[in-house]
C-alpha atoms as a PDB file:
ATOM      1  CA  MET A   1      78.647  81.773  65.781  1.00  0.00           C
ATOM      2  CA  LEU A   2      76.931  84.283  63.512  1.00  0.00           C
ATOM      3  CA  GLY A   3      80.081  85.251  61.686  1.00  0.00           C
ATOM      4  CA  CYS A   4      79.704  88.249  59.423  1.00  0.00           C
ATOM      5  CA  PHE A   5      76.026  88.680  60.411  1.00  0.00           C
ATOM      6  CA  ALA A   6      76.698  89.253  64.122  1.00  0.00           C
ATOM      7  CA  GLU A   7      76.626  93.037  63.807  1.00  0.00           C
ATOM      8  CA  ARG A   8      73.226  92.895  62.088  1.00  0.00           C
ATOM      9  CA  VAL A   9      71.408  90.783  64.681  1.00  0.00           C
ATOM     10  CA  VAL A  10      69.409  92.472  67.424  1.00  0.00           C
ATOM     11  CA  VAL A  11      68.316  90.424  70.413  1.00  0.00           C
ATOM     12  CA  SER A  12      65.288  91.807  72.222  1.00  0.00           C
ATOM     13  CA  THR A  13      62.070  90.865  73.954  1.00  0.00           C
ATOM     14  CA  SER A  14      59.131  90.228  71.665  1.00  0.00           C
ATOM     15  CA  CYS A  15      57.167  93.035  73.323  1.00  0.00           C
ATOM     16  CA  SER A  16      57.559  95.877  75.787  1.00  0.00           C
ATOM     17  CA  LEU A  17      58.179  94.993  79.430  1.00  0.00           C
ATOM     18  CA  MET A  18      56.230  98.055  80.554  1.00  0.00           C
ATOM     19  CA  HIS A  19      53.214  96.068  81.764  1.00  0.00           C
ATOM     20  CA  THR A  20      55.141  93.040  82.998  1.00  0.00           C
ATOM     21  CA  ALA A  21      55.465  92.317  86.700  1.00  0.00           C
ATOM     22  CA  VAL A  22      58.898  93.386  87.906  1.00  0.00           C
ATOM     23  CA  ASP A  23      60.589  90.421  89.558  1.00  0.00           C
ATOM     24  CA  LEU A  24      59.655  86.809  90.123  1.00  0.00           C
ATOM     25  CA  LYS A  25      61.582  86.671  93.412  1.00  0.00           C
ATOM     26  CA  ASN A  26      58.878  88.872  94.966  1.00  0.00           C
ATOM     27  CA  GLU A  27      56.256  86.177  94.338  1.00  0.00           C
ATOM     28  CA  THR A  28      56.732  84.126  97.494  1.00  0.00           C
ATOM     29  CA  LYS A  29      53.384  82.309  97.403  1.00  0.00           C
ATOM     30  CA  LEU A  30      53.757  80.706  93.967  1.00  0.00           C
ATOM     31  CA  ASP A  31      54.542  77.010  93.623  1.00  0.00           C
ATOM     32  CA  GLY A  32      58.226  76.332  92.840  1.00  0.00           C
ATOM     33  CA  GLU A  33      57.467  74.385  89.651  1.00  0.00           C
ATOM     34  CA  LEU A  34      55.205  77.141  88.361  1.00  0.00           C
ATOM     35  CA  LYS A  35      57.870  79.747  89.162  1.00  0.00           C
ATOM     36  CA  SER A  36      60.414  77.775  87.132  1.00  0.00           C
ATOM     37  CA  TRP A  37      58.286  78.334  84.013  1.00  0.00           C
ATOM     38  CA  LEU A  38      57.647  82.059  84.548  1.00  0.00           C
ATOM     39  CA  ALA A  39      59.764  85.079  83.734  1.00  0.00           C
ATOM     40  CA  PHE A  40      58.974  88.599  84.849  1.00  0.00           C
ATOM     41  CA  ALA A  41      60.772  91.740  83.642  1.00  0.00           C
ATOM     42  CA  ALA A  42      63.982  91.167  85.628  1.00  0.00           C
ATOM     43  CA  GLN A  43      64.223  87.561  84.434  1.00  0.00           C
ATOM     44  CA  LYS A  44      63.406  88.492  80.836  1.00  0.00           C
ATOM     45  CA  VAL A  45      66.244  91.020  80.777  1.00  0.00           C
ATOM     46  CA  LEU A  46      68.669  88.343  82.024  1.00  0.00           C
ATOM     47  CA  GLU A  47      67.390  85.959  79.322  1.00  0.00           C
ATOM     48  CA  VAL A  48      67.943  88.555  76.587  1.00  0.00           C
ATOM     49  CA  VAL A  49      71.455  89.277  77.868  1.00  0.00           C
ATOM     50  CA  ALA A  50      72.254  85.544  78.019  1.00  0.00           C
ATOM     51  CA  LEU A  51      70.961  84.963  74.481  1.00  0.00           C
ATOM     52  CA  ALA A  52      72.852  87.951  73.087  1.00  0.00           C
ATOM     53  CA  THR A  53      76.024  86.815  74.844  1.00  0.00           C
ATOM     54  CA  ALA A  54      75.680  83.269  73.532  1.00  0.00           C
ATOM     55  CA  LEU A  55      74.993  84.460  69.977  1.00  0.00           C
ATOM     56  CA  SER A  56      78.041  86.709  70.070  1.00  0.00           C
ATOM     57  CA  GLY A  57      80.175  83.641  70.741  1.00  0.00           C
ATOM     58  CA  LYS A  58      81.141  84.753  74.234  1.00  0.00           C
ATOM     59  CA  LYS A  59      80.535  82.694  77.336  1.00  0.00           C
ATOM     60  CA  ASP A  60      80.160  84.314  80.723  1.00  0.00           C
ATOM     61  CA  GLU A  61      78.768  83.265  84.077  1.00  0.00           C
ATOM     62  CA  VAL A  62      75.279  84.713  83.471  1.00  0.00           C
ATOM     63  CA  CYS A  63      74.969  82.980  80.102  1.00  0.00           C
ATOM     64  CA  GLN A  64      76.183  79.625  81.406  1.00  0.00           C
ATOM     65  CA  HIS A  65      73.913  79.774  84.464  1.00  0.00           C
ATOM     66  CA  TRP A  66      70.862  80.630  82.343  1.00  0.00           C
ATOM     67  CA  CYS A  67      71.598  77.879  79.816  1.00  0.00           C
ATOM     68  CA  CYS A  68      72.146  75.244  82.532  1.00  0.00           C
ATOM     69  CA  GLU A  69      69.035  76.314  84.425  1.00  0.00           C
ATOM     70  CA  ASN A  70      66.886  76.090  81.308  1.00  0.00           C
ATOM     71  CA  LEU A  71      68.368  72.730  80.338  1.00  0.00           C
ATOM     72  CA  VAL A  72      67.321  71.292  83.710  1.00  0.00           C
ATOM     73  CA  ILE A  73      63.795  72.695  83.339  1.00  0.00           C
ATOM     74  CA  MET A  74      63.427  71.298  79.819  1.00  0.00           C
ATOM     75  CA  GLU A  75      64.702  67.861  80.882  1.00  0.00           C
ATOM     76  CA  GLN A  76      62.144  67.806  83.715  1.00  0.00           C
ATOM     77  CA  TYR A  77      59.407  68.778  81.266  1.00  0.00           C
ATOM     78  CA  LEU A  78      60.419  66.128  78.724  1.00  0.00           C
ATOM     79  CA  ASN A  79      60.642  63.449  81.427  1.00  0.00           C
ATOM     80  CA  GLY A  80      57.190  64.341  82.781  1.00  0.00           C
ATOM     81  CA  CYS A  81      58.438  65.507  86.183  1.00  0.00           C
END
């Protein structure tokens, strides 16, 4: 996908995860819709891995799951659900 630039691209979070809550799965009292829009440290790491995998031209289970999950969330948002 990136061709000759692939080795020069670094995929990372926009800021440190040091002060980010650890894992969204521990938040059992949050509304399901709200949880679908949030990402804590564990989820952010999976997002970065999925993006880096996709940009490298590879497709694996983590990348495909993340892309499909986000597509569903965006469709719900765009349809006002």
